[in-house]
Structure formats: structure tokens, C-alpha cells
Amino acid sequence: MITPNTWKELFDSALAMGQQGLDEAVGLYLWARDHLKELHLVDPSYNQENTAMRIAQVWNMSVDTYCRTIARLGNGLDHKSISRGRSVVRKFGLFETFRAEKQLGLDQMQKLVDRLPEISGPSDLHKAVDDLRTEMDALAKPTKETKRTDRTDLRKEADYWKQRAIEMEQKCKMLQKELNWFKSHVEIRASTTA
């Protein structure tokens, strides 16, 4: 059980565990965030940023990245989804799960989560991520017809904006003439109200 008195000892042991300790270290970080007042009573010098920095130094990963990844792998932010995401990270390993988070967009990550029950190990996850990334890259490549259409549309849009710029210049010249006439025919005096 975590208490303000045992927190530092538990956190240091999680840091010493290496790769297996990341999940526990992040859990302790989040616990500390929720129990900051109690920790400050025991250790007034406690700083949340220092804890996050120590996690980043040991695992070369920010706490935010870890939390985002487990939320995506668990398919939600509720406690059950987070637990599911943490179990996925433990099952397939840090490298493969965080590689998946870096390589895939949100839609592709959702497809990966849907495929998780049929994936048996880290190598299968690696292959599934590669397949989804290839699919994502294929969707991102424009066809030749699309390029021609885009160029035509861009030229039309550029012509439209050039025409609008000419119209605005003419309007500005006309307004400047009116302003000059107004300045030459109207005398501005300070009013005295007492």
C-alpha cells in the first residue's frame, strides 16, 4: 500500500527495476500528483517535475507519452480502459507498444486495438504495426489526377485572390481621395464644454 511515508522508497525501487518498473513508477507519479499535500507534509522539498524528469531520464520517455499510449491501447480514459492499456504494454513490451504509438495515427491505432485479441506476441504486433503503417502511407499518397485537379483549383483560387487584391487597391485609392477631400474641406476644432 502506498502512503506518503513509503512513497519515496517505492519510487526508488521502481527506478531500480529497469524496464519492468516503468508502469509502477508512472503509477506512483500519478498517485503523488493526487496526494501532493500529504507528500509535502512528509517531504516539503518534493517536486512533481523532478519526479517526471527522473522517469524521463531512466526510460527516455515522458509520463504524458506513457499515459497517452496506454489510453489509446486501452481505448479510453476510464479506469478499466487504463488497466487494459497497461496490460497490453506489459504483454507486448515497451518498445513495440510505443513504436506503435509513434508510427500510427489515431484511426490506425483504433484498428490495432481491434486486432489485439488475435495478436500473440511482440513480433506479431510489430508486423501488424508495419501493415497498418503501409496502409496509412498508401492512403496519404495522392494520385496523379488529384494533383492536376489540385493545381487547377489552386490556379483558380490564385486568380480569384489577385482579382480581389486589385479591387481592394481601387477601393483604397477611392477612399484615400475621399479622405483627402474631407480633410481639405472640413476644419477640426476642439469643442469647449464647461
C-alpha atoms as a PDB file:
ATOM      1  CA  MET A   1       0.000   0.000   0.000  1.00  0.00           C
ATOM      2  CA  ILE A   2       1.235   3.472  -0.910  1.00  0.00           C
ATOM      3  CA  THR A   3       1.495   6.058   1.841  1.00  0.00           C
ATOM      4  CA  PRO A   4       3.318   9.394   1.912  1.00  0.00           C
ATOM      5  CA  ASN A   5       5.961   7.789   4.165  1.00  0.00           C
ATOM      6  CA  THR A   6       6.605   4.818   1.825  1.00  0.00           C
ATOM      7  CA  TRP A   7       6.244   6.662  -1.487  1.00  0.00           C
ATOM      8  CA  LYS A   8       9.919   7.628  -1.924  1.00  0.00           C
ATOM      9  CA  GLU A   9      11.136   4.119  -1.115  1.00  0.00           C
ATOM     10  CA  LEU A  10       8.649   2.567  -3.572  1.00  0.00           C
ATOM     11  CA  PHE A  11       9.561   5.078  -6.289  1.00  0.00           C
ATOM     12  CA  ASP A  12      13.297   4.450  -5.879  1.00  0.00           C
ATOM     13  CA  SER A  13      12.754   0.685  -6.090  1.00  0.00           C
ATOM     14  CA  ALA A  14      10.655   1.174  -9.275  1.00  0.00           C
ATOM     15  CA  LEU A  15      13.509   3.187 -10.794  1.00  0.00           C
ATOM     16  CA  ALA A  16      15.948   0.398  -9.912  1.00  0.00           C
ATOM     17  CA  MET A  17      13.745  -2.262 -11.574  1.00  0.00           C
ATOM     18  CA  GLY A  18      14.594  -1.027 -15.045  1.00  0.00           C
ATOM     19  CA  GLN A  19      12.180  -1.654 -17.896  1.00  0.00           C
ATOM     20  CA  GLN A  20       9.699  -3.568 -15.733  1.00  0.00           C
ATOM     21  CA  GLY A  21       9.432  -0.669 -13.290  1.00  0.00           C
ATOM     22  CA  LEU A  22       8.066   1.971 -15.680  1.00  0.00           C
ATOM     23  CA  ASP A  23       4.429   1.077 -15.097  1.00  0.00           C
ATOM     24  CA  GLU A  24       4.905   1.177 -11.331  1.00  0.00           C
ATOM     25  CA  ALA A  25       6.902   4.438 -11.483  1.00  0.00           C
ATOM     26  CA  VAL A  26       4.196   6.161 -13.539  1.00  0.00           C
ATOM     27  CA  GLY A  27       1.551   4.821 -11.161  1.00  0.00           C
ATOM     28  CA  LEU A  28       3.482   6.301  -8.244  1.00  0.00           C
ATOM     29  CA  TYR A  29       3.886   9.595 -10.137  1.00  0.00           C
ATOM     30  CA  LEU A  30       0.128   9.778 -10.677  1.00  0.00           C
ATOM     31  CA  TRP A  31      -0.521   8.839  -7.043  1.00  0.00           C
ATOM     32  CA  ALA A  32       1.828  11.627  -5.937  1.00  0.00           C
ATOM     33  CA  ARG A  33       0.004  14.093  -8.168  1.00  0.00           C
ATOM     34  CA  ASP A  34      -3.263  13.210  -6.452  1.00  0.00           C
ATOM     35  CA  HIS A  35      -1.758  13.266  -2.925  1.00  0.00           C
ATOM     36  CA  LEU A  36       0.551  16.261  -3.212  1.00  0.00           C
ATOM     37  CA  LYS A  37      -0.480  17.869   0.100  1.00  0.00           C
ATOM     38  CA  GLU A  38       0.210  14.688   2.081  1.00  0.00           C
ATOM     39  CA  LEU A  39       3.621  14.268   0.395  1.00  0.00           C
ATOM     40  CA  HIS A  40       4.538  17.877   1.202  1.00  0.00           C
ATOM     41  CA  LEU A  41       3.791  17.235   4.856  1.00  0.00           C
ATOM     42  CA  VAL A  42       6.315  14.365   4.868  1.00  0.00           C
ATOM     43  CA  ASP A  43       8.810  15.890   2.406  1.00  0.00           C
ATOM     44  CA  PRO A  44       8.415  19.669   1.879  1.00  0.00           C
ATOM     45  CA  SER A  45      11.040  19.617  -0.892  1.00  0.00           C
ATOM     46  CA  TYR A  46       9.041  17.182  -3.075  1.00  0.00           C
ATOM     47  CA  ASN A  47       8.650  18.460  -6.652  1.00  0.00           C
ATOM     48  CA  GLN A  48       6.427  16.786  -9.253  1.00  0.00           C
ATOM     49  CA  GLU A  49       8.598  17.987 -12.169  1.00  0.00           C
ATOM     50  CA  ASN A  50      11.668  16.323 -10.647  1.00  0.00           C
ATOM     51  CA  THR A  51       9.780  13.028 -10.470  1.00  0.00           C
ATOM     52  CA  ALA A  52       8.752  13.325 -14.127  1.00  0.00           C
ATOM     53  CA  MET A  53      12.337  14.216 -15.048  1.00  0.00           C
ATOM     54  CA  ARG A  54      13.720  11.148 -13.232  1.00  0.00           C
ATOM     55  CA  ILE A  55      11.257   8.924 -15.108  1.00  0.00           C
ATOM     56  CA  ALA A  56      12.309  10.531 -18.403  1.00  0.00           C
ATOM     57  CA  GLN A  57      15.996  10.025 -17.564  1.00  0.00           C
ATOM     58  CA  VAL A  58      15.619   6.338 -16.733  1.00  0.00           C
ATOM     59  CA  TRP A  59      13.208   5.325 -19.520  1.00  0.00           C
ATOM     60  CA  ASN A  60      13.775   8.106 -22.062  1.00  0.00           C
ATOM     61  CA  MET A  61      10.042   8.752 -22.150  1.00  0.00           C
ATOM     62  CA  SER A  62       7.749  11.377 -20.714  1.00  0.00           C
ATOM     63  CA  VAL A  63       4.933  10.496 -18.355  1.00  0.00           C
ATOM     64  CA  ASP A  64       2.486  12.155 -20.755  1.00  0.00           C
ATOM     65  CA  THR A  65       3.600   9.892 -23.608  1.00  0.00           C
ATOM     66  CA  TYR A  66       3.154   6.812 -21.445  1.00  0.00           C
ATOM     67  CA  CYS A  67      -0.313   7.879 -20.292  1.00  0.00           C
ATOM     68  CA  ARG A  68      -1.396   8.777 -23.839  1.00  0.00           C
ATOM     69  CA  THR A  69      -0.187   5.418 -25.141  1.00  0.00           C
ATOM     70  CA  ILE A  70      -1.948   3.327 -22.515  1.00  0.00           C
ATOM     71  CA  ALA A  71      -5.134   5.357 -23.021  1.00  0.00           C
ATOM     72  CA  ARG A  72      -5.012   4.673 -26.762  1.00  0.00           C
ATOM     73  CA  LEU A  73      -4.187   0.998 -26.293  1.00  0.00           C
ATOM     74  CA  GLY A  74      -6.933   0.643 -23.696  1.00  0.00           C
ATOM     75  CA  ASN A  75      -9.337   2.572 -25.921  1.00  0.00           C
ATOM     76  CA  GLY A  76     -10.415   5.121 -23.309  1.00  0.00           C
ATOM     77  CA  LEU A  77      -9.642   7.157 -20.222  1.00  0.00           C
ATOM     78  CA  ASP A  78     -11.720   5.334 -17.628  1.00  0.00           C
ATOM     79  CA  HIS A  79     -10.054   3.113 -15.012  1.00  0.00           C
ATOM     80  CA  LYS A  80     -10.937  -0.130 -16.823  1.00  0.00           C
ATOM     81  CA  SER A  81      -9.534   1.122 -20.143  1.00  0.00           C
ATOM     82  CA  ILE A  82      -6.334   2.355 -18.491  1.00  0.00           C
ATOM     83  CA  SER A  83      -5.878  -1.044 -16.818  1.00  0.00           C
ATOM     84  CA  ARG A  84      -6.415  -2.742 -20.181  1.00  0.00           C
ATOM     85  CA  GLY A  85      -3.832  -0.439 -21.808  1.00  0.00           C
ATOM     86  CA  ARG A  86      -1.295  -1.136 -19.048  1.00  0.00           C
ATOM     87  CA  SER A  87      -1.775  -4.891 -19.509  1.00  0.00           C
ATOM     88  CA  VAL A  88      -1.195  -4.507 -23.263  1.00  0.00           C
ATOM     89  CA  VAL A  89       2.082  -2.676 -22.571  1.00  0.00           C
ATOM     90  CA  ARG A  90       3.153  -5.418 -20.138  1.00  0.00           C
ATOM     91  CA  LYS A  91       2.187  -8.183 -22.609  1.00  0.00           C
ATOM     92  CA  PHE A  92       3.903  -6.800 -25.726  1.00  0.00           C
ATOM     93  CA  GLY A  93       6.705  -4.776 -24.160  1.00  0.00           C
ATOM     94  CA  LEU A  94       7.572  -1.108 -24.066  1.00  0.00           C
ATOM     95  CA  PHE A  95       9.446  -0.923 -27.345  1.00  0.00           C
ATOM     96  CA  GLU A  96       6.723  -2.401 -29.544  1.00  0.00           C
ATOM     97  CA  THR A  97       3.801  -0.592 -27.948  1.00  0.00           C
ATOM     98  CA  PHE A  98       5.487   2.807 -28.024  1.00  0.00           C
ATOM     99  CA  ARG A  99       6.676   2.172 -31.558  1.00  0.00           C
ATOM    100  CA  ALA A 100       3.035   1.574 -32.477  1.00  0.00           C
ATOM    101  CA  GLU A 101       2.021   4.854 -30.837  1.00  0.00           C
ATOM    102  CA  LYS A 102       4.707   6.768 -32.748  1.00  0.00           C
ATOM    103  CA  GLN A 103       4.053   5.110 -36.115  1.00  0.00           C
ATOM    104  CA  LEU A 104       0.255   5.136 -36.231  1.00  0.00           C
ATOM    105  CA  GLY A 105      -2.356   7.824 -36.305  1.00  0.00           C
ATOM    106  CA  LEU A 106      -5.470   7.771 -34.178  1.00  0.00           C
ATOM    107  CA  ASP A 107      -7.585   5.802 -36.694  1.00  0.00           C
ATOM    108  CA  GLN A 108      -4.857   3.237 -37.310  1.00  0.00           C
ATOM    109  CA  MET A 109      -4.307   2.878 -33.561  1.00  0.00           C
ATOM    110  CA  GLN A 110      -8.011   2.091 -33.193  1.00  0.00           C
ATOM    111  CA  LYS A 111      -7.658  -0.626 -35.844  1.00  0.00           C
ATOM    112  CA  LEU A 112      -4.673  -2.021 -33.951  1.00  0.00           C
ATOM    113  CA  VAL A 113      -6.675  -2.111 -30.709  1.00  0.00           C
ATOM    114  CA  ASP A 114      -9.405  -4.032 -32.544  1.00  0.00           C
ATOM    115  CA  ARG A 115      -6.792  -6.559 -33.741  1.00  0.00           C
ATOM    116  CA  LEU A 116      -5.138  -7.048 -30.326  1.00  0.00           C
ATOM    117  CA  PRO A 117      -7.049 -10.246 -29.396  1.00  0.00           C
ATOM    118  CA  GLU A 118      -5.636 -12.059 -32.442  1.00  0.00           C
ATOM    119  CA  ILE A 119      -2.048 -10.829 -31.894  1.00  0.00           C
ATOM    120  CA  SER A 120       0.020 -13.269 -29.865  1.00  0.00           C
ATOM    121  CA  GLY A 121       3.401 -11.662 -29.282  1.00  0.00           C
ATOM    122  CA  PRO A 122       5.698  -8.688 -29.853  1.00  0.00           C
ATOM    123  CA  SER A 123       6.758  -9.866 -33.324  1.00  0.00           C
ATOM    124  CA  ASP A 124       3.113 -10.161 -34.413  1.00  0.00           C
ATOM    125  CA  LEU A 125       2.461  -6.681 -33.039  1.00  0.00           C
ATOM    126  CA  HIS A 126       5.473  -5.375 -34.966  1.00  0.00           C
ATOM    127  CA  LYS A 127       4.113  -6.882 -38.187  1.00  0.00           C
ATOM    128  CA  ALA A 128       0.597  -5.538 -37.547  1.00  0.00           C
ATOM    129  CA  VAL A 129       2.007  -2.031 -36.971  1.00  0.00           C
ATOM    130  CA  ASP A 130       4.017  -2.255 -40.207  1.00  0.00           C
ATOM    131  CA  ASP A 131       0.909  -3.366 -42.131  1.00  0.00           C
ATOM    132  CA  LEU A 132      -1.186  -0.535 -40.716  1.00  0.00           C
ATOM    133  CA  ARG A 133       1.569   1.990 -41.411  1.00  0.00           C
ATOM    134  CA  THR A 134       1.807   0.789 -45.028  1.00  0.00           C
ATOM    135  CA  GLU A 135      -1.961   1.160 -45.327  1.00  0.00           C
ATOM    136  CA  MET A 136      -1.780   4.657 -43.844  1.00  0.00           C
ATOM    137  CA  ASP A 137       1.018   5.693 -46.228  1.00  0.00           C
ATOM    138  CA  ALA A 138      -0.919   4.337 -49.229  1.00  0.00           C
ATOM    139  CA  LEU A 139      -3.944   6.430 -48.271  1.00  0.00           C
ATOM    140  CA  ALA A 140      -1.787   9.533 -47.897  1.00  0.00           C
ATOM    141  CA  LYS A 141      -0.254   9.350 -51.388  1.00  0.00           C
ATOM    142  CA  PRO A 142      -2.219  11.458 -53.869  1.00  0.00           C
ATOM    143  CA  THR A 143      -2.927  10.101 -57.334  1.00  0.00           C
ATOM    144  CA  LYS A 144      -1.815  11.904 -60.494  1.00  0.00           C
ATOM    145  CA  GLU A 145      -5.379  13.004 -61.277  1.00  0.00           C
ATOM    146  CA  THR A 146      -5.697  14.540 -57.837  1.00  0.00           C
ATOM    147  CA  LYS A 147      -2.530  16.541 -58.353  1.00  0.00           C
ATOM    148  CA  ARG A 148      -3.803  18.030 -61.631  1.00  0.00           C
ATOM    149  CA  THR A 149      -7.109  18.915 -60.043  1.00  0.00           C
ATOM    150  CA  ASP A 150      -5.330  20.500 -57.094  1.00  0.00           C
ATOM    151  CA  ARG A 151      -3.131  22.589 -59.367  1.00  0.00           C
ATOM    152  CA  THR A 152      -6.106  23.742 -61.395  1.00  0.00           C
ATOM    153  CA  ASP A 153      -8.019  24.627 -58.246  1.00  0.00           C
ATOM    154  CA  LEU A 154      -5.015  26.461 -56.821  1.00  0.00           C
ATOM    155  CA  ARG A 155      -4.606  28.488 -60.025  1.00  0.00           C
ATOM    156  CA  LYS A 156      -8.285  29.413 -59.987  1.00  0.00           C
ATOM    157  CA  GLU A 157      -8.011  30.387 -56.346  1.00  0.00           C
ATOM    158  CA  ALA A 158      -4.868  32.434 -57.006  1.00  0.00           C
ATOM    159  CA  ASP A 159      -6.616  34.246 -59.885  1.00  0.00           C
ATOM    160  CA  TYR A 160      -9.585  34.950 -57.644  1.00  0.00           C
ATOM    161  CA  TRP A 161      -7.372  36.438 -54.913  1.00  0.00           C
ATOM    162  CA  LYS A 162      -5.405  38.515 -57.441  1.00  0.00           C
ATOM    163  CA  GLN A 163      -8.678  39.962 -58.715  1.00  0.00           C
ATOM    164  CA  ARG A 164      -9.823  40.663 -55.136  1.00  0.00           C
ATOM    165  CA  ALA A 165      -6.491  42.403 -54.425  1.00  0.00           C
ATOM    166  CA  ILE A 166      -6.934  44.664 -57.471  1.00  0.00           C
ATOM    167  CA  GLU A 167     -10.471  45.516 -56.364  1.00  0.00           C
ATOM    168  CA  MET A 168      -9.284  46.320 -52.843  1.00  0.00           C
ATOM    169  CA  GLU A 169      -6.477  48.547 -54.179  1.00  0.00           C
ATOM    170  CA  GLN A 170      -9.014  50.516 -56.247  1.00  0.00           C
ATOM    171  CA  LYS A 171     -11.301  50.822 -53.240  1.00  0.00           C
ATOM    172  CA  CYS A 172      -8.382  52.038 -51.083  1.00  0.00           C
ATOM    173  CA  LYS A 173      -7.463  54.687 -53.694  1.00  0.00           C
ATOM    174  CA  MET A 174     -11.065  55.886 -53.814  1.00  0.00           C
ATOM    175  CA  LEU A 175     -11.285  56.051 -50.016  1.00  0.00           C
ATOM    176  CA  GLN A 176      -7.976  57.936 -49.882  1.00  0.00           C
ATOM    177  CA  LYS A 177      -9.341  60.538 -52.346  1.00  0.00           C
ATOM    178  CA  GLU A 178     -12.474  60.937 -50.228  1.00  0.00           C
ATOM    179  CA  LEU A 179     -10.390  61.302 -47.081  1.00  0.00           C
ATOM    180  CA  ASN A 180      -8.174  63.937 -48.724  1.00  0.00           C
ATOM    181  CA  TRP A 181     -11.264  65.896 -49.850  1.00  0.00           C
ATOM    182  CA  PHE A 182     -12.752  65.609 -46.355  1.00  0.00           C
ATOM    183  CA  LYS A 183      -9.524  66.883 -44.748  1.00  0.00           C
ATOM    184  CA  SER A 184      -9.321  69.819 -47.147  1.00  0.00           C
ATOM    185  CA  HIS A 185     -12.952  70.920 -46.700  1.00  0.00           C
ATOM    186  CA  VAL A 186     -13.602  70.257 -43.026  1.00  0.00           C
ATOM    187  CA  GLU A 187     -11.951  72.153 -40.227  1.00  0.00           C
ATOM    188  CA  ILE A 188     -11.485  70.268 -36.991  1.00  0.00           C
ATOM    189  CA  ARG A 189     -11.849  72.346 -33.825  1.00  0.00           C
ATOM    190  CA  ALA A 190     -11.820  71.395 -30.190  1.00  0.00           C
ATOM    191  CA  SER A 191     -15.194  71.839 -28.562  1.00  0.00           C
ATOM    192  CA  THR A 192     -15.396  73.534 -25.230  1.00  0.00           C
ATOM    193  CA  THR A 193     -17.875  72.086 -22.868  1.00  0.00           C
ATOM    194  CA  ALA A 194     -17.861  73.500 -19.376  1.00  0.00           C
END
